[in-house]
Amino acid sequence: MLKWSAIFLLIAIVAAIVGFTDVSEGAASISKILFGIFAILCIPTFIFGLTIFKK
């Protein structure tokens, strides 16, 4: 998921350089959403990995 976020961020940067502002805004918003979902899923996983699932 983080890989897809980085890909959409790269698309947004390239589209902004070329001048496609609508494509750039769309790709940037998708990238932000994917990164947010990744962060929401990643933080509890680290916490559970350090506490509950530790053997």
PDB file of N, CA and C in Angstrom:
ATOM      1  N   MET A   1       0.825  -1.180   0.000  1.00  0.00           N
ATOM      2  CA  MET A   1       0.000   0.000   0.000  1.00  0.00           C
ATOM      3  C   MET A   1       0.876   1.254   0.000  1.00  0.00           C
ATOM      4  N   LEU A   2       1.968   1.201   0.718  1.00  0.00           N
ATOM      5  CA  LEU A   2       2.871   2.342   0.733  1.00  0.00           C
ATOM      6  C   LEU A   2       3.524   2.527  -0.638  1.00  0.00           C
ATOM      7  N   LYS A   3       3.735   1.421  -1.344  1.00  0.00           N
ATOM      8  CA  LYS A   3       4.300   1.501  -2.691  1.00  0.00           C
ATOM      9  C   LYS A   3       3.342   2.234  -3.624  1.00  0.00           C
ATOM     10  N   TRP A   4       2.044   1.924  -3.527  1.00  0.00           N
ATOM     11  CA  TRP A   4       1.060   2.596  -4.371  1.00  0.00           C
ATOM     12  C   TRP A   4       0.957   4.079  -4.029  1.00  0.00           C
ATOM     13  N   SER A   5       1.089   4.401  -2.760  1.00  0.00           N
ATOM     14  CA  SER A   5       1.069   5.802  -2.349  1.00  0.00           C
ATOM     15  C   SER A   5       2.240   6.559  -2.974  1.00  0.00           C
ATOM     16  N   ALA A   6       3.409   5.939  -2.977  1.00  0.00           N
ATOM     17  CA  ALA A   6       4.584   6.563  -3.584  1.00  0.00           C
ATOM     18  C   ALA A   6       4.423   6.700  -5.094  1.00  0.00           C
ATOM     19  N   ILE A   7       3.810   5.712  -5.733  1.00  0.00           N
ATOM     20  CA  ILE A   7       3.585   5.782  -7.180  1.00  0.00           C
ATOM     21  C   ILE A   7       2.645   6.928  -7.522  1.00  0.00           C
ATOM     22  N   PHE A   8       1.541   7.065  -6.768  1.00  0.00           N
ATOM     23  CA  PHE A   8       0.615   8.158  -7.038  1.00  0.00           C
ATOM     24  C   PHE A   8       1.246   9.512  -6.736  1.00  0.00           C
ATOM     25  N   LEU A   9       2.128   9.579  -5.739  1.00  0.00           N
ATOM     26  CA  LEU A   9       2.838  10.823  -5.460  1.00  0.00           C
ATOM     27  C   LEU A   9       3.749  11.182  -6.629  1.00  0.00           C
ATOM     28  N   LEU A  10       4.432  10.200  -7.190  1.00  0.00           N
ATOM     29  CA  LEU A  10       5.287  10.437  -8.347  1.00  0.00           C
ATOM     30  C   LEU A  10       4.468  10.894  -9.550  1.00  0.00           C
ATOM     31  N   ILE A  11       3.305  10.279  -9.766  1.00  0.00           N
ATOM     32  CA  ILE A  11       2.416  10.698 -10.855  1.00  0.00           C
ATOM     33  C   ILE A  11       1.979  12.141 -10.648  1.00  0.00           C
ATOM     34  N   ALA A  12       1.663  12.504  -9.403  1.00  0.00           N
ATOM     35  CA  ALA A  12       1.238  13.871  -9.108  1.00  0.00           C
ATOM     36  C   ALA A  12       2.351  14.873  -9.393  1.00  0.00           C
ATOM     37  N   ILE A  13       3.581  14.518  -9.040  1.00  0.00           N
ATOM     38  CA  ILE A  13       4.705  15.425  -9.276  1.00  0.00           C
ATOM     39  C   ILE A  13       4.954  15.601 -10.767  1.00  0.00           C
ATOM     40  N   VAL A  14       4.945  14.502 -11.513  1.00  0.00           N
ATOM     41  CA  VAL A  14       5.171  14.578 -12.961  1.00  0.00           C
ATOM     42  C   VAL A  14       4.046  15.359 -13.637  1.00  0.00           C
ATOM     43  N   ALA A  15       2.802  15.111 -13.230  1.00  0.00           N
ATOM     44  CA  ALA A  15       1.672  15.828 -13.820  1.00  0.00           C
ATOM     45  C   ALA A  15       1.734  17.317 -13.494  1.00  0.00           C
ATOM     46  N   ALA A  16       2.199  17.662 -12.306  1.00  0.00           N
ATOM     47  CA  ALA A  16       2.321  19.076 -11.946  1.00  0.00           C
ATOM     48  C   ALA A  16       3.407  19.761 -12.765  1.00  0.00           C
ATOM     49  N   ILE A  17       4.499  19.051 -13.021  1.00  0.00           N
ATOM     50  CA  ILE A  17       5.583  19.623 -13.826  1.00  0.00           C
ATOM     51  C   ILE A  17       5.125  19.845 -15.257  1.00  0.00           C
ATOM     52  N   VAL A  18       4.387  18.880 -15.809  1.00  0.00           N
ATOM     53  CA  VAL A  18       3.933  18.970 -17.191  1.00  0.00           C
ATOM     54  C   VAL A  18       2.806  19.994 -17.334  1.00  0.00           C
ATOM     55  N   GLY A  19       2.017  20.175 -16.275  1.00  0.00           N
ATOM     56  CA  GLY A  19       0.962  21.178 -16.319  1.00  0.00           C
ATOM     57  C   GLY A  19      -0.440  20.627 -16.246  1.00  0.00           C
ATOM     58  N   PHE A  20      -0.587  19.338 -16.018  1.00  0.00           N
ATOM     59  CA  PHE A  20      -1.909  18.736 -15.880  1.00  0.00           C
ATOM     60  C   PHE A  20      -2.351  18.867 -14.421  1.00  0.00           C
ATOM     61  N   THR A  21      -2.939  20.003 -14.086  1.00  0.00           N
ATOM     62  CA  THR A  21      -3.257  20.270 -12.680  1.00  0.00           C
ATOM     63  C   THR A  21      -4.365  19.374 -12.154  1.00  0.00           C
ATOM     64  N   ASP A  22      -5.360  19.046 -12.989  1.00  0.00           N
ATOM     65  CA  ASP A  22      -6.446  18.181 -12.518  1.00  0.00           C
ATOM     66  C   ASP A  22      -5.936  16.779 -12.196  1.00  0.00           C
ATOM     67  N   VAL A  23      -5.095  16.254 -13.057  1.00  0.00           N
ATOM     68  CA  VAL A  23      -4.514  14.930 -12.818  1.00  0.00           C
ATOM     69  C   VAL A  23      -3.621  14.973 -11.583  1.00  0.00           C
ATOM     70  N   SER A  24      -2.873  16.047 -11.442  1.00  0.00           N
ATOM     71  CA  SER A  24      -1.982  16.197 -10.298  1.00  0.00           C
ATOM     72  C   SER A  24      -2.753  16.240  -8.987  1.00  0.00           C
ATOM     73  N   GLU A  25      -3.850  16.992  -8.952  1.00  0.00           N
ATOM     74  CA  GLU A  25      -4.661  17.079  -7.733  1.00  0.00           C
ATOM     75  C   GLU A  25      -5.297  15.737  -7.393  1.00  0.00           C
ATOM     76  N   GLY A  26      -5.783  15.027  -8.405  1.00  0.00           N
ATOM     77  CA  GLY A  26      -6.395  13.720  -8.171  1.00  0.00           C
ATOM     78  C   GLY A  26      -5.400  12.700  -7.660  1.00  0.00           C
ATOM     79  N   ALA A  27      -4.239  12.652  -8.279  1.00  0.00           N
ATOM     80  CA  ALA A  27      -3.214  11.695  -7.854  1.00  0.00           C
ATOM     81  C   ALA A  27      -2.692  12.031  -6.459  1.00  0.00           C
ATOM     82  N   ALA A  28      -2.567  13.307  -6.161  1.00  0.00           N
ATOM     83  CA  ALA A  28      -2.099  13.701  -4.829  1.00  0.00           C
ATOM     84  C   ALA A  28      -3.115  13.329  -3.758  1.00  0.00           C
ATOM     85  N   SER A  29      -4.394  13.501  -4.055  1.00  0.00           N
ATOM     86  CA  SER A  29      -5.407  13.146  -3.054  1.00  0.00           C
ATOM     87  C   SER A  29      -5.465  11.632  -2.844  1.00  0.00           C
ATOM     88  N   ILE A  30      -5.318  10.852  -3.913  1.00  0.00           N
ATOM     89  CA  ILE A  30      -5.281   9.394  -3.773  1.00  0.00           C
ATOM     90  C   ILE A  30      -4.063   8.979  -2.952  1.00  0.00           C
ATOM     91  N   SER A  31      -2.937   9.621  -3.206  1.00  0.00           N
ATOM     92  CA  SER A  31      -1.721   9.313  -2.458  1.00  0.00           C
ATOM     93  C   SER A  31      -1.892   9.611  -0.969  1.00  0.00           C
ATOM     94  N   LYS A  32      -2.531  10.729  -0.643  1.00  0.00           N
ATOM     95  CA  LYS A  32      -2.760  11.081   0.766  1.00  0.00           C
ATOM     96  C   LYS A  32      -3.688  10.078   1.441  1.00  0.00           C
ATOM     97  N   ILE A  33      -4.731   9.663   0.739  1.00  0.00           N
ATOM     98  CA  ILE A  33      -5.679   8.696   1.305  1.00  0.00           C
ATOM     99  C   ILE A  33      -4.992   7.357   1.558  1.00  0.00           C
ATOM    100  N   LEU A  34      -4.230   6.871   0.582  1.00  0.00           N
ATOM    101  CA  LEU A  34      -3.538   5.592   0.751  1.00  0.00           C
ATOM    102  C   LEU A  34      -2.514   5.647   1.879  1.00  0.00           C
ATOM    103  N   PHE A  35      -1.808   6.762   1.991  1.00  0.00           N
ATOM    104  CA  PHE A  35      -0.836   6.888   3.079  1.00  0.00           C
ATOM    105  C   PHE A  35      -1.536   6.931   4.431  1.00  0.00           C
ATOM    106  N   GLY A  36      -2.674   7.594   4.500  1.00  0.00           N
ATOM    107  CA  GLY A  36      -3.440   7.632   5.746  1.00  0.00           C
ATOM    108  C   GLY A  36      -3.914   6.252   6.163  1.00  0.00           C
ATOM    109  N   ILE A  37      -4.416   5.477   5.208  1.00  0.00           N
ATOM    110  CA  ILE A  37      -4.852   4.110   5.505  1.00  0.00           C
ATOM    111  C   ILE A  37      -3.665   3.271   5.965  1.00  0.00           C
ATOM    112  N   PHE A  38      -2.520   3.429   5.300  1.00  0.00           N
ATOM    113  CA  PHE A  38      -1.315   2.701   5.693  1.00  0.00           C
ATOM    114  C   PHE A  38      -0.912   3.050   7.117  1.00  0.00           C
ATOM    115  N   ALA A  39      -0.925   4.328   7.449  1.00  0.00           N
ATOM    116  CA  ALA A  39      -0.531   4.750   8.796  1.00  0.00           C
ATOM    117  C   ALA A  39      -1.495   4.217   9.845  1.00  0.00           C
ATOM    118  N   ILE A  40      -2.794   4.243   9.543  1.00  0.00           N
ATOM    119  CA  ILE A  40      -3.794   3.742  10.485  1.00  0.00           C
ATOM    120  C   ILE A  40      -3.611   2.246  10.722  1.00  0.00           C
ATOM    121  N   LEU A  41      -3.266   1.497   9.702  1.00  0.00           N
ATOM    122  CA  LEU A  41      -3.063   0.057   9.854  1.00  0.00           C
ATOM    123  C   LEU A  41      -1.688  -0.285  10.428  1.00  0.00           C
ATOM    124  N   CYS A  42      -0.709   0.547  10.182  1.00  0.00           N
ATOM    125  CA  CYS A  42       0.661   0.252  10.592  1.00  0.00           C
ATOM    126  C   CYS A  42       0.882   0.472  12.087  1.00  0.00           C
ATOM    127  N   ILE A  43       0.354   1.532  12.630  1.00  0.00           N
ATOM    128  CA  ILE A  43       0.594   1.864  14.040  1.00  0.00           C
ATOM    129  C   ILE A  43       0.068   0.784  14.984  1.00  0.00           C
ATOM    130  N   PRO A  44      -1.194   0.324  14.852  1.00  0.00           N
ATOM    131  CA  PRO A  44      -1.641  -0.756  15.748  1.00  0.00           C
ATOM    132  C   PRO A  44      -0.860  -2.056  15.558  1.00  0.00           C
ATOM    133  N   THR A  45      -0.436  -2.317  14.332  1.00  0.00           N
ATOM    134  CA  THR A  45       0.344  -3.526  14.084  1.00  0.00           C
ATOM    135  C   THR A  45       1.660  -3.486  14.856  1.00  0.00           C
ATOM    136  N   PHE A  46       2.336  -2.355  14.854  1.00  0.00           N
ATOM    137  CA  PHE A  46       3.572  -2.225  15.627  1.00  0.00           C
ATOM    138  C   PHE A  46       3.315  -2.357  17.119  1.00  0.00           C
ATOM    139  N   ILE A  47       2.250  -1.735  17.598  1.00  0.00           N
ATOM    140  CA  ILE A  47       1.937  -1.805  19.030  1.00  0.00           C
ATOM    141  C   ILE A  47       1.609  -3.236  19.436  1.00  0.00           C
ATOM    142  N   PHE A  48       0.764  -3.903  18.651  1.00  0.00           N
ATOM    143  CA  PHE A  48       0.419  -5.295  18.965  1.00  0.00           C
ATOM    144  C   PHE A  48       1.638  -6.203  18.846  1.00  0.00           C
ATOM    145  N   GLY A  49       2.495  -5.926  17.897  1.00  0.00           N
ATOM    146  CA  GLY A  49       3.700  -6.729  17.733  1.00  0.00           C
ATOM    147  C   GLY A  49       4.642  -6.614  18.915  1.00  0.00           C
ATOM    148  N   LEU A  50       4.658  -5.453  19.536  1.00  0.00           N
ATOM    149  CA  LEU A  50       5.536  -5.258  20.692  1.00  0.00           C
ATOM    150  C   LEU A  50       4.923  -5.763  21.993  1.00  0.00           C
ATOM    151  N   THR A  51       3.604  -5.882  22.041  1.00  0.00           N
ATOM    152  CA  THR A  51       2.965  -6.233  23.313  1.00  0.00           C
ATOM    153  C   THR A  51       2.284  -7.594  23.272  1.00  0.00           C
ATOM    154  N   ILE A  52       1.202  -7.719  22.566  1.00  0.00           N
ATOM    155  CA  ILE A  52       0.349  -8.904  22.616  1.00  0.00           C
ATOM    156  C   ILE A  52       1.011 -10.122  21.967  1.00  0.00           C
ATOM    157  N   PHE A  53       1.557  -9.944  20.780  1.00  0.00           N
ATOM    158  CA  PHE A  53       2.062 -11.082  20.016  1.00  0.00           C
ATOM    159  C   PHE A  53       3.511 -11.439  20.333  1.00  0.00           C
ATOM    160  N   LYS A  54       4.099 -10.787  21.320  1.00  0.00           N
ATOM    161  CA  LYS A  54       5.480 -11.084  21.684  1.00  0.00           C
ATOM    162  C   LYS A  54       5.524 -12.371  22.502  1.00  0.00           C
ATOM    163  N   LYS A  55       6.394 -13.270  22.139  1.00  0.00           N
ATOM    164  CA  LYS A  55       6.499 -14.552  22.856  1.00  0.00           C
ATOM    165  C   LYS A  55       7.755 -14.605  23.673  1.00  0.00           C
TER     166      LYS A  55
END
